mmCIF file of all heavy atoms, coordinates in Angstrom:
data_MODEL
# 
_entry.id   MODEL 
# 
loop_
_atom_site.group_PDB 
_atom_site.id 
_atom_site.type_symbol 
_atom_site.label_atom_id 
_atom_site.label_alt_id 
_atom_site.label_comp_id 
_atom_site.label_asym_id 
_atom_site.label_entity_id 
_atom_site.label_seq_id 
_atom_site.pdbx_PDB_ins_code 
_atom_site.Cartn_x 
_atom_site.Cartn_y 
_atom_site.Cartn_z 
_atom_site.occupancy 
_atom_site.B_iso_or_equiv 
_atom_site.pdbx_formal_charge 
_atom_site.auth_seq_id 
_atom_site.auth_comp_id 
_atom_site.auth_asym_id 
_atom_site.auth_atom_id 
_atom_site.pdbx_PDB_model_num 
ATOM 1   N N   . ILE A 1 1  ? 5.511  4.741   -4.221  1.00 0.00 ? 1  ILE A N   1 
ATOM 2   C CA  . ILE A 1 1  ? 5.136  3.703   -3.247  1.00 0.00 ? 1  ILE A CA  1 
ATOM 3   C C   . ILE A 1 1  ? 3.687  3.878   -2.805  1.00 0.00 ? 1  ILE A C   1 
ATOM 4   O O   . ILE A 1 1  ? 2.932  2.896   -2.684  1.00 0.00 ? 1  ILE A O   1 
ATOM 5   C CB  . ILE A 1 1  ? 6.084  3.747   -2.034  1.00 0.00 ? 1  ILE A CB  1 
ATOM 6   C CG1 . ILE A 1 1  ? 7.501  3.343   -2.461  1.00 0.00 ? 1  ILE A CG1 1 
ATOM 7   C CG2 . ILE A 1 1  ? 5.591  2.832   -0.920  1.00 0.00 ? 1  ILE A CG2 1 
ATOM 8   C CD1 . ILE A 1 1  ? 8.538  3.495   -1.369  1.00 0.00 ? 1  ILE A CD1 1 
ATOM 9   N N   . LEU A 1 2  ? 3.260  5.132   -2.576  1.00 0.00 ? 2  LEU A N   1 
ATOM 10  C CA  . LEU A 1 2  ? 1.894  5.367   -2.107  1.00 0.00 ? 2  LEU A CA  1 
ATOM 11  C C   . LEU A 1 2  ? 0.841  5.035   -3.166  1.00 0.00 ? 2  LEU A C   1 
ATOM 12  O O   . LEU A 1 2  ? -0.338 4.884   -2.828  1.00 0.00 ? 2  LEU A O   1 
ATOM 13  C CB  . LEU A 1 2  ? 1.744  6.831   -1.675  1.00 0.00 ? 2  LEU A CB  1 
ATOM 14  C CG  . LEU A 1 2  ? 2.545  7.261   -0.438  1.00 0.00 ? 2  LEU A CG  1 
ATOM 15  C CD1 . LEU A 1 2  ? 2.322  8.729   -0.139  1.00 0.00 ? 2  LEU A CD1 1 
ATOM 16  C CD2 . LEU A 1 2  ? 2.176  6.404   0.771   1.00 0.00 ? 2  LEU A CD2 1 
ATOM 17  N N   . GLN A 1 3  ? 1.253  4.931   -4.433  1.00 0.00 ? 3  GLN A N   1 
ATOM 18  C CA  . GLN A 1 3  ? 0.285  4.592   -5.493  1.00 0.00 ? 3  GLN A CA  1 
ATOM 19  C C   . GLN A 1 3  ? 0.183  3.092   -5.743  1.00 0.00 ? 3  GLN A C   1 
ATOM 20  O O   . GLN A 1 3  ? -0.644 2.654   -6.561  1.00 0.00 ? 3  GLN A O   1 
ATOM 21  C CB  . GLN A 1 3  ? 0.674  5.295   -6.798  1.00 0.00 ? 3  GLN A CB  1 
ATOM 22  C CG  . GLN A 1 3  ? 0.686  6.799   -6.717  1.00 0.00 ? 3  GLN A CG  1 
ATOM 23  C CD  . GLN A 1 3  ? -0.530 7.372   -6.026  1.00 0.00 ? 3  GLN A CD  1 
ATOM 24  O OE1 . GLN A 1 3  ? -1.674 7.101   -6.412  1.00 0.00 ? 3  GLN A OE1 1 
ATOM 25  N NE2 . GLN A 1 3  ? -0.294 8.159   -4.986  1.00 0.00 ? 3  GLN A NE2 1 
ATOM 26  N N   . ILE A 1 4  ? 0.992  2.298   -5.050  1.00 0.00 ? 4  ILE A N   1 
ATOM 27  C CA  . ILE A 1 4  ? 0.979  0.853   -5.297  1.00 0.00 ? 4  ILE A CA  1 
ATOM 28  C C   . ILE A 1 4  ? -0.397 0.265   -4.998  1.00 0.00 ? 4  ILE A C   1 
ATOM 29  O O   . ILE A 1 4  ? -0.951 -0.508  -5.803  1.00 0.00 ? 4  ILE A O   1 
ATOM 30  C CB  . ILE A 1 4  ? 2.066  0.154   -4.452  1.00 0.00 ? 4  ILE A CB  1 
ATOM 31  C CG1 . ILE A 1 4  ? 3.458  0.541   -4.978  1.00 0.00 ? 4  ILE A CG1 1 
ATOM 32  C CG2 . ILE A 1 4  ? 1.882  -1.373  -4.509  1.00 0.00 ? 4  ILE A CG2 1 
ATOM 33  C CD1 . ILE A 1 4  ? 4.596  -0.027  -4.156  1.00 0.00 ? 4  ILE A CD1 1 
ATOM 34  N N   . ALA A 1 5  ? -0.988 0.618   -3.843  1.00 0.00 ? 5  ALA A N   1 
ATOM 35  C CA  . ALA A 1 5  ? -2.293 0.055   -3.464  1.00 0.00 ? 5  ALA A CA  1 
ATOM 36  C C   . ALA A 1 5  ? -3.393 0.444   -4.451  1.00 0.00 ? 5  ALA A C   1 
ATOM 37  O O   . ALA A 1 5  ? -4.083 -0.444  -4.989  1.00 0.00 ? 5  ALA A O   1 
ATOM 38  C CB  . ALA A 1 5  ? -2.654 0.467   -2.039  1.00 0.00 ? 5  ALA A CB  1 
ATOM 39  N N   . PRO A 1 6  ? -3.620 1.744   -4.743  1.00 0.00 ? 6  PRO A N   1 
ATOM 40  C CA  . PRO A 1 6  ? -4.656 2.072   -5.729  1.00 0.00 ? 6  PRO A CA  1 
ATOM 41  C C   . PRO A 1 6  ? -4.324 1.556   -7.129  1.00 0.00 ? 6  PRO A C   1 
ATOM 42  O O   . PRO A 1 6  ? -5.235 1.255   -7.914  1.00 0.00 ? 6  PRO A O   1 
ATOM 43  C CB  . PRO A 1 6  ? -4.714 3.607   -5.697  1.00 0.00 ? 6  PRO A CB  1 
ATOM 44  C CG  . PRO A 1 6  ? -3.458 4.048   -5.049  1.00 0.00 ? 6  PRO A CG  1 
ATOM 45  C CD  . PRO A 1 6  ? -3.054 2.958   -4.123  1.00 0.00 ? 6  PRO A CD  1 
ATOM 46  N N   . PHE A 1 7  ? -3.031 1.443   -7.452  1.00 0.00 ? 7  PHE A N   1 
ATOM 47  C CA  . PHE A 1 7  ? -2.626 0.883   -8.738  1.00 0.00 ? 7  PHE A CA  1 
ATOM 48  C C   . PHE A 1 7  ? -3.082 -0.569  -8.853  1.00 0.00 ? 7  PHE A C   1 
ATOM 49  O O   . PHE A 1 7  ? -3.450 -1.035  -9.942  1.00 0.00 ? 7  PHE A O   1 
ATOM 50  C CB  . PHE A 1 7  ? -1.091 0.958   -8.856  1.00 0.00 ? 7  PHE A CB  1 
ATOM 51  C CG  . PHE A 1 7  ? -0.575 0.851   -10.264 1.00 0.00 ? 7  PHE A CG  1 
ATOM 52  C CD1 . PHE A 1 7  ? -0.241 1.988   -10.985 1.00 0.00 ? 7  PHE A CD1 1 
ATOM 53  C CD2 . PHE A 1 7  ? -0.410 -0.382  -10.874 1.00 0.00 ? 7  PHE A CD2 1 
ATOM 54  C CE1 . PHE A 1 7  ? 0.246  1.904   -12.283 1.00 0.00 ? 7  PHE A CE1 1 
ATOM 55  C CE2 . PHE A 1 7  ? 0.077  -0.482  -12.167 1.00 0.00 ? 7  PHE A CE2 1 
ATOM 56  C CZ  . PHE A 1 7  ? 0.399  0.661   -12.876 1.00 0.00 ? 7  PHE A CZ  1 
ATOM 57  N N   . LEU A 1 8  ? -3.076 -1.275  -7.736  1.00 0.00 ? 8  LEU A N   1 
ATOM 58  C CA  . LEU A 1 8  ? -3.497 -2.674  -7.715  1.00 0.00 ? 8  LEU A CA  1 
ATOM 59  C C   . LEU A 1 8  ? -4.984 -2.841  -7.410  1.00 0.00 ? 8  LEU A C   1 
ATOM 60  O O   . LEU A 1 8  ? -5.461 -3.961  -7.209  1.00 0.00 ? 8  LEU A O   1 
ATOM 61  C CB  . LEU A 1 8  ? -2.675 -3.452  -6.686  1.00 0.00 ? 8  LEU A CB  1 
ATOM 62  C CG  . LEU A 1 8  ? -1.154 -3.491  -6.951  1.00 0.00 ? 8  LEU A CG  1 
ATOM 63  C CD1 . LEU A 1 8  ? -0.434 -4.200  -5.811  1.00 0.00 ? 8  LEU A CD1 1 
ATOM 64  C CD2 . LEU A 1 8  ? -0.863 -4.179  -8.279  1.00 0.00 ? 8  LEU A CD2 1 
ATOM 65  N N   . GLY A 1 9  ? -5.701 -1.693  -7.342  1.00 0.00 ? 9  GLY A N   1 
ATOM 66  C CA  . GLY A 1 9  ? -7.147 -1.755  -7.162  1.00 0.00 ? 9  GLY A CA  1 
ATOM 67  C C   . GLY A 1 9  ? -7.601 -1.900  -5.726  1.00 0.00 ? 9  GLY A C   1 
ATOM 68  O O   . GLY A 1 9  ? -8.687 -2.437  -5.472  1.00 0.00 ? 9  GLY A O   1 
ATOM 69  N N   . GLN A 1 10 ? -6.805 -1.399  -4.761  1.00 0.00 ? 10 GLN A N   1 
ATOM 70  C CA  . GLN A 1 10 ? -7.171 -1.531  -3.344  1.00 0.00 ? 10 GLN A CA  1 
ATOM 71  C C   . GLN A 1 10 ? -6.969 -0.215  -2.619  1.00 0.00 ? 10 GLN A C   1 
ATOM 72  O O   . GLN A 1 10 ? -6.271 0.671   -3.095  1.00 0.00 ? 10 GLN A O   1 
ATOM 73  C CB  . GLN A 1 10 ? -6.311 -2.620  -2.693  1.00 0.00 ? 10 GLN A CB  1 
ATOM 74  C CG  . GLN A 1 10 ? -6.516 -4.002  -3.321  1.00 0.00 ? 10 GLN A CG  1 
ATOM 75  C CD  . GLN A 1 10 ? -5.405 -4.953  -2.943  1.00 0.00 ? 10 GLN A CD  1 
ATOM 76  O OE1 . GLN A 1 10 ? -5.280 -5.319  -1.779  1.00 0.00 ? 10 GLN A OE1 1 
ATOM 77  N NE2 . GLN A 1 10 ? -4.596 -5.337  -3.916  1.00 0.00 ? 10 GLN A NE2 1 
ATOM 78  N N   . ALA A 1 11 ? -7.583 -0.132  -1.438  1.00 0.00 ? 11 ALA A N   1 
ATOM 79  C CA  . ALA A 1 11 ? -7.418 1.055   -0.609  1.00 0.00 ? 11 ALA A CA  1 
ATOM 80  C C   . ALA A 1 11 ? -6.013 1.078   -0.014  1.00 0.00 ? 11 ALA A C   1 
ATOM 81  O O   . ALA A 1 11 ? -5.429 0.030   0.269   1.00 0.00 ? 11 ALA A O   1 
ATOM 82  C CB  . ALA A 1 11 ? -8.466 1.058   0.504   1.00 0.00 ? 11 ALA A CB  1 
ATOM 83  N N   . SER A 1 12 ? -5.479 2.275   0.163   1.00 0.00 ? 12 SER A N   1 
ATOM 84  C CA  . SER A 1 12 ? -4.134 2.396   0.722   1.00 0.00 ? 12 SER A CA  1 
ATOM 85  C C   . SER A 1 12 ? -4.126 1.992   2.191   1.00 0.00 ? 12 SER A C   1 
ATOM 86  O O   . SER A 1 12 ? -4.982 2.438   2.970   1.00 0.00 ? 12 SER A O   1 
ATOM 87  C CB  . SER A 1 12 ? -3.637 3.837   0.591   1.00 0.00 ? 12 SER A CB  1 
ATOM 88  O OG  . SER A 1 12 ? -3.538 4.211   -0.763  1.00 0.00 ? 12 SER A OG  1 
ATOM 89  N N   . PRO A 1 13 ? -3.192 1.145   2.588   1.00 0.00 ? 13 PRO A N   1 
ATOM 90  C CA  . PRO A 1 13 ? -3.114 0.746   3.999   1.00 0.00 ? 13 PRO A CA  1 
ATOM 91  C C   . PRO A 1 13 ? -2.623 1.894   4.864   1.00 0.00 ? 13 PRO A C   1 
ATOM 92  O O   . PRO A 1 13 ? -1.999 2.842   4.367   1.00 0.00 ? 13 PRO A O   1 
ATOM 93  C CB  . PRO A 1 13 ? -2.097 -0.402  3.984   1.00 0.00 ? 13 PRO A CB  1 
ATOM 94  C CG  . PRO A 1 13 ? -1.271 -0.164  2.779   1.00 0.00 ? 13 PRO A CG  1 
ATOM 95  C CD  . PRO A 1 13 ? -2.169 0.495   1.772   1.00 0.00 ? 13 PRO A CD  1 
ATOM 96  N N   . LYS A 1 14 ? -2.885 1.801   6.153   1.00 0.00 ? 14 LYS A N   1 
ATOM 97  C CA  . LYS A 1 14 ? -2.415 2.832   7.069   1.00 0.00 ? 14 LYS A CA  1 
ATOM 98  C C   . LYS A 1 14 ? -0.904 2.694   7.259   1.00 0.00 ? 14 LYS A C   1 
ATOM 99  O O   . LYS A 1 14 ? -0.336 1.638   7.056   1.00 0.00 ? 14 LYS A O   1 
ATOM 100 C CB  . LYS A 1 14 ? -3.113 2.696   8.419   1.00 0.00 ? 14 LYS A CB  1 
ATOM 101 C CG  . LYS A 1 14 ? -4.616 2.980   8.358   1.00 0.00 ? 14 LYS A CG  1 
ATOM 102 C CD  . LYS A 1 14 ? -5.243 2.866   9.730   1.00 0.00 ? 14 LYS A CD  1 
ATOM 103 C CE  . LYS A 1 14 ? -6.738 3.182   9.664   1.00 0.00 ? 14 LYS A CE  1 
ATOM 104 N NZ  . LYS A 1 14 ? -7.382 3.078   10.989  1.00 0.00 ? 14 LYS A NZ  1 
ATOM 105 N N   . GLY A 1 15 ? -0.282 3.808   7.646   1.00 0.00 ? 15 GLY A N   1 
ATOM 106 C CA  . GLY A 1 15 ? 1.157  3.753   7.913   1.00 0.00 ? 15 GLY A CA  1 
ATOM 107 C C   . GLY A 1 15 ? 2.014  4.331   6.813   1.00 0.00 ? 15 GLY A C   1 
ATOM 108 O O   . GLY A 1 15 ? 3.241  4.253   6.897   1.00 0.00 ? 15 GLY A O   1 
ATOM 109 N N   . GLY A 1 16 ? 1.402  4.918   5.777   1.00 0.00 ? 16 GLY A N   1 
ATOM 110 C CA  . GLY A 1 16 ? 2.177  5.567   4.730   1.00 0.00 ? 16 GLY A CA  1 
ATOM 111 C C   . GLY A 1 16 ? 3.112  4.626   3.998   1.00 0.00 ? 16 GLY A C   1 
ATOM 112 O O   . GLY A 1 16 ? 2.741  3.497   3.634   1.00 0.00 ? 16 GLY A O   1 
ATOM 113 N N   . VAL A 1 17 ? 4.353  5.051   3.802   1.00 0.00 ? 17 VAL A N   1 
ATOM 114 C CA  . VAL A 1 17 ? 5.332  4.270   3.049   1.00 0.00 ? 17 VAL A CA  1 
ATOM 115 C C   . VAL A 1 17 ? 5.627  2.946   3.743   1.00 0.00 ? 17 VAL A C   1 
ATOM 116 O O   . VAL A 1 17 ? 5.612  1.874   3.116   1.00 0.00 ? 17 VAL A O   1 
ATOM 117 C CB  . VAL A 1 17 ? 6.639  5.082   2.862   1.00 0.00 ? 17 VAL A CB  1 
ATOM 118 C CG1 . VAL A 1 17 ? 7.737  4.208   2.279   1.00 0.00 ? 17 VAL A CG1 1 
ATOM 119 C CG2 . VAL A 1 17 ? 6.389  6.284   1.962   1.00 0.00 ? 17 VAL A CG2 1 
ATOM 120 N N   . ILE A 1 18 ? 5.909  3.014   5.032   1.00 0.00 ? 18 ILE A N   1 
ATOM 121 C CA  . ILE A 1 18 ? 6.238  1.800   5.782   1.00 0.00 ? 18 ILE A CA  1 
ATOM 122 C C   . ILE A 1 18 ? 5.064  0.830   5.769   1.00 0.00 ? 18 ILE A C   1 
ATOM 123 O O   . ILE A 1 18 ? 5.237  -0.381  5.565   1.00 0.00 ? 18 ILE A O   1 
ATOM 124 C CB  . ILE A 1 18 ? 6.631  2.137   7.237   1.00 0.00 ? 18 ILE A CB  1 
ATOM 125 C CG1 . ILE A 1 18 ? 7.801  3.130   7.263   1.00 0.00 ? 18 ILE A CG1 1 
ATOM 126 C CG2 . ILE A 1 18 ? 6.977  0.880   8.010   1.00 0.00 ? 18 ILE A CG2 1 
ATOM 127 C CD1 . ILE A 1 18 ? 9.067  2.598   6.649   1.00 0.00 ? 18 ILE A CD1 1 
ATOM 128 N N   . GLY A 1 19 ? 3.856  1.374   5.988   1.00 0.00 ? 19 GLY A N   1 
ATOM 129 C CA  . GLY A 1 19 ? 2.670  0.518   5.983   1.00 0.00 ? 19 GLY A CA  1 
ATOM 130 C C   . GLY A 1 19 ? 2.444  -0.148  4.642   1.00 0.00 ? 19 GLY A C   1 
ATOM 131 O O   . GLY A 1 19 ? 2.077  -1.328  4.572   1.00 0.00 ? 19 GLY A O   1 
ATOM 132 N N   . THR A 1 20 ? 2.676  0.581   3.553   1.00 0.00 ? 20 THR A N   1 
ATOM 133 C CA  . THR A 1 20 ? 2.508  0.006   2.213   1.00 0.00 ? 20 THR A CA  1 
ATOM 134 C C   . THR A 1 20 ? 3.515  -1.100  1.963   1.00 0.00 ? 20 THR A C   1 
ATOM 135 O O   . THR A 1 20 ? 3.170  -2.170  1.432   1.00 0.00 ? 20 THR A O   1 
ATOM 136 C CB  . THR A 1 20 ? 2.656  1.106   1.145   1.00 0.00 ? 20 THR A CB  1 
ATOM 137 O OG1 . THR A 1 20 ? 1.667  2.118   1.352   1.00 0.00 ? 20 THR A OG1 1 
ATOM 138 C CG2 . THR A 1 20 ? 2.483  0.528   -0.250  1.00 0.00 ? 20 THR A CG2 1 
ATOM 139 N N   . ILE A 1 21 ? 4.770  -0.858  2.337   1.00 0.00 ? 21 ILE A N   1 
ATOM 140 C CA  . ILE A 1 21 ? 5.806  -1.882  2.138   1.00 0.00 ? 21 ILE A CA  1 
ATOM 141 C C   . ILE A 1 21 ? 5.513  -3.123  2.967   1.00 0.00 ? 21 ILE A C   1 
ATOM 142 O O   . ILE A 1 21 ? 5.667  -4.262  2.491   1.00 0.00 ? 21 ILE A O   1 
ATOM 143 C CB  . ILE A 1 21 ? 7.190  -1.303  2.499   1.00 0.00 ? 21 ILE A CB  1 
ATOM 144 C CG1 . ILE A 1 21 ? 7.564  -0.196  1.503   1.00 0.00 ? 21 ILE A CG1 1 
ATOM 145 C CG2 . ILE A 1 21 ? 8.252  -2.401  2.483   1.00 0.00 ? 21 ILE A CG2 1 
ATOM 146 C CD1 . ILE A 1 21 ? 8.843  0.525   1.850   1.00 0.00 ? 21 ILE A CD1 1 
ATOM 147 N N   . GLN A 1 22 ? 5.073  -2.940  4.210   1.00 0.00 ? 22 GLN A N   1 
ATOM 148 C CA  . GLN A 1 22 ? 4.773  -4.079  5.070   1.00 0.00 ? 22 GLN A CA  1 
ATOM 149 C C   . GLN A 1 22 ? 3.584  -4.890  4.548   1.00 0.00 ? 22 GLN A C   1 
ATOM 150 O O   . GLN A 1 22 ? 3.534  -6.116  4.736   1.00 0.00 ? 22 GLN A O   1 
ATOM 151 C CB  . GLN A 1 22 ? 4.485  -3.588  6.491   1.00 0.00 ? 22 GLN A CB  1 
ATOM 152 C CG  . GLN A 1 22 ? 5.715  -3.052  7.218   1.00 0.00 ? 22 GLN A CG  1 
ATOM 153 C CD  . GLN A 1 22 ? 5.378  -2.463  8.569   1.00 0.00 ? 22 GLN A CD  1 
ATOM 154 O OE1 . GLN A 1 22 ? 4.229  -2.090  8.849   1.00 0.00 ? 22 GLN A OE1 1 
ATOM 155 N NE2 . GLN A 1 22 ? 6.387  -2.361  9.435   1.00 0.00 ? 22 GLN A NE2 1 
ATOM 156 N N   . ASN A 1 23 ? 2.622  -4.219  3.902   1.00 0.00 ? 23 ASN A N   1 
ATOM 157 C CA  . ASN A 1 23 ? 1.428  -4.902  3.402   1.00 0.00 ? 23 ASN A CA  1 
ATOM 158 C C   . ASN A 1 23 ? 1.538  -5.302  1.932   1.00 0.00 ? 23 ASN A C   1 
ATOM 159 O O   . ASN A 1 23 ? 0.537  -5.716  1.339   1.00 0.00 ? 23 ASN A O   1 
ATOM 160 C CB  . ASN A 1 23 ? 0.203  -3.997  3.581   1.00 0.00 ? 23 ASN A CB  1 
ATOM 161 C CG  . ASN A 1 23 ? -0.228 -3.872  5.022   1.00 0.00 ? 23 ASN A CG  1 
ATOM 162 O OD1 . ASN A 1 23 ? -0.950 -4.710  5.552   1.00 0.00 ? 23 ASN A OD1 1 
ATOM 163 N ND2 . ASN A 1 23 ? 0.232  -2.818  5.680   1.00 0.00 ? 23 ASN A ND2 1 
ATOM 164 N N   . LEU A 1 24 ? 2.735  -5.186  1.363   1.00 0.00 ? 24 LEU A N   1 
ATOM 165 C CA  . LEU A 1 24 ? 2.901  -5.480  -0.058  1.00 0.00 ? 24 LEU A CA  1 
ATOM 166 C C   . LEU A 1 24 ? 2.493  -6.903  -0.429  1.00 0.00 ? 24 LEU A C   1 
ATOM 167 O O   . LEU A 1 24 ? 1.797  -7.099  -1.449  1.00 0.00 ? 24 LEU A O   1 
ATOM 168 C CB  . LEU A 1 24 ? 4.355  -5.205  -0.466  1.00 0.00 ? 24 LEU A CB  1 
ATOM 169 C CG  . LEU A 1 24 ? 4.639  -5.151  -1.966  1.00 0.00 ? 24 LEU A CG  1 
ATOM 170 C CD1 . LEU A 1 24 ? 3.760  -4.111  -2.653  1.00 0.00 ? 24 LEU A CD1 1 
ATOM 171 C CD2 . LEU A 1 24 ? 6.112  -4.833  -2.226  1.00 0.00 ? 24 LEU A CD2 1 
ATOM 172 N N   . PRO A 1 25 ? 2.876  -7.940  0.332   1.00 0.00 ? 25 PRO A N   1 
ATOM 173 C CA  . PRO A 1 25 ? 2.423  -9.304  -0.024  1.00 0.00 ? 25 PRO A CA  1 
ATOM 174 C C   . PRO A 1 25 ? 0.899  -9.422  -0.076  1.00 0.00 ? 25 PRO A C   1 
ATOM 175 O O   . PRO A 1 25 ? 0.348  -10.067 -0.984  1.00 0.00 ? 25 PRO A O   1 
ATOM 176 C CB  . PRO A 1 25 ? 3.018  -10.166 1.094   1.00 0.00 ? 25 PRO A CB  1 
ATOM 177 C CG  . PRO A 1 25 ? 4.207  -9.389  1.572   1.00 0.00 ? 25 PRO A CG  1 
ATOM 178 C CD  . PRO A 1 25 ? 3.795  -7.965  1.483   1.00 0.00 ? 25 PRO A CD  1 
ATOM 179 N N   . GLN A 1 26 ? 0.227  -8.803  0.890   1.00 0.00 ? 26 GLN A N   1 
ATOM 180 C CA  . GLN A 1 26 ? -1.236 -8.860  0.919   1.00 0.00 ? 26 GLN A CA  1 
ATOM 181 C C   . GLN A 1 26 ? -1.832 -8.101  -0.266  1.00 0.00 ? 26 GLN A C   1 
ATOM 182 O O   . GLN A 1 26 ? -2.821 -8.550  -0.868  1.00 0.00 ? 26 GLN A O   1 
ATOM 183 C CB  . GLN A 1 26 ? -1.741 -8.280  2.241   1.00 0.00 ? 26 GLN A CB  1 
ATOM 184 C CG  . GLN A 1 26 ? -3.255 -8.363  2.405   1.00 0.00 ? 26 GLN A CG  1 
ATOM 185 C CD  . GLN A 1 26 ? -3.710 -7.785  3.736   1.00 0.00 ? 26 GLN A CD  1 
ATOM 186 O OE1 . GLN A 1 26 ? -2.881 -7.487  4.602   1.00 0.00 ? 26 GLN A OE1 1 
ATOM 187 N NE2 . GLN A 1 26 ? -5.012 -7.621  3.895   1.00 0.00 ? 26 GLN A NE2 1 
# 
């Protein structure tokens, strides 16, 4: 889950796992 943001070419959002899941649409 934590690699989703860098995998998509973006900086990781704050909030760890929960933050990444919440920002997934963005």
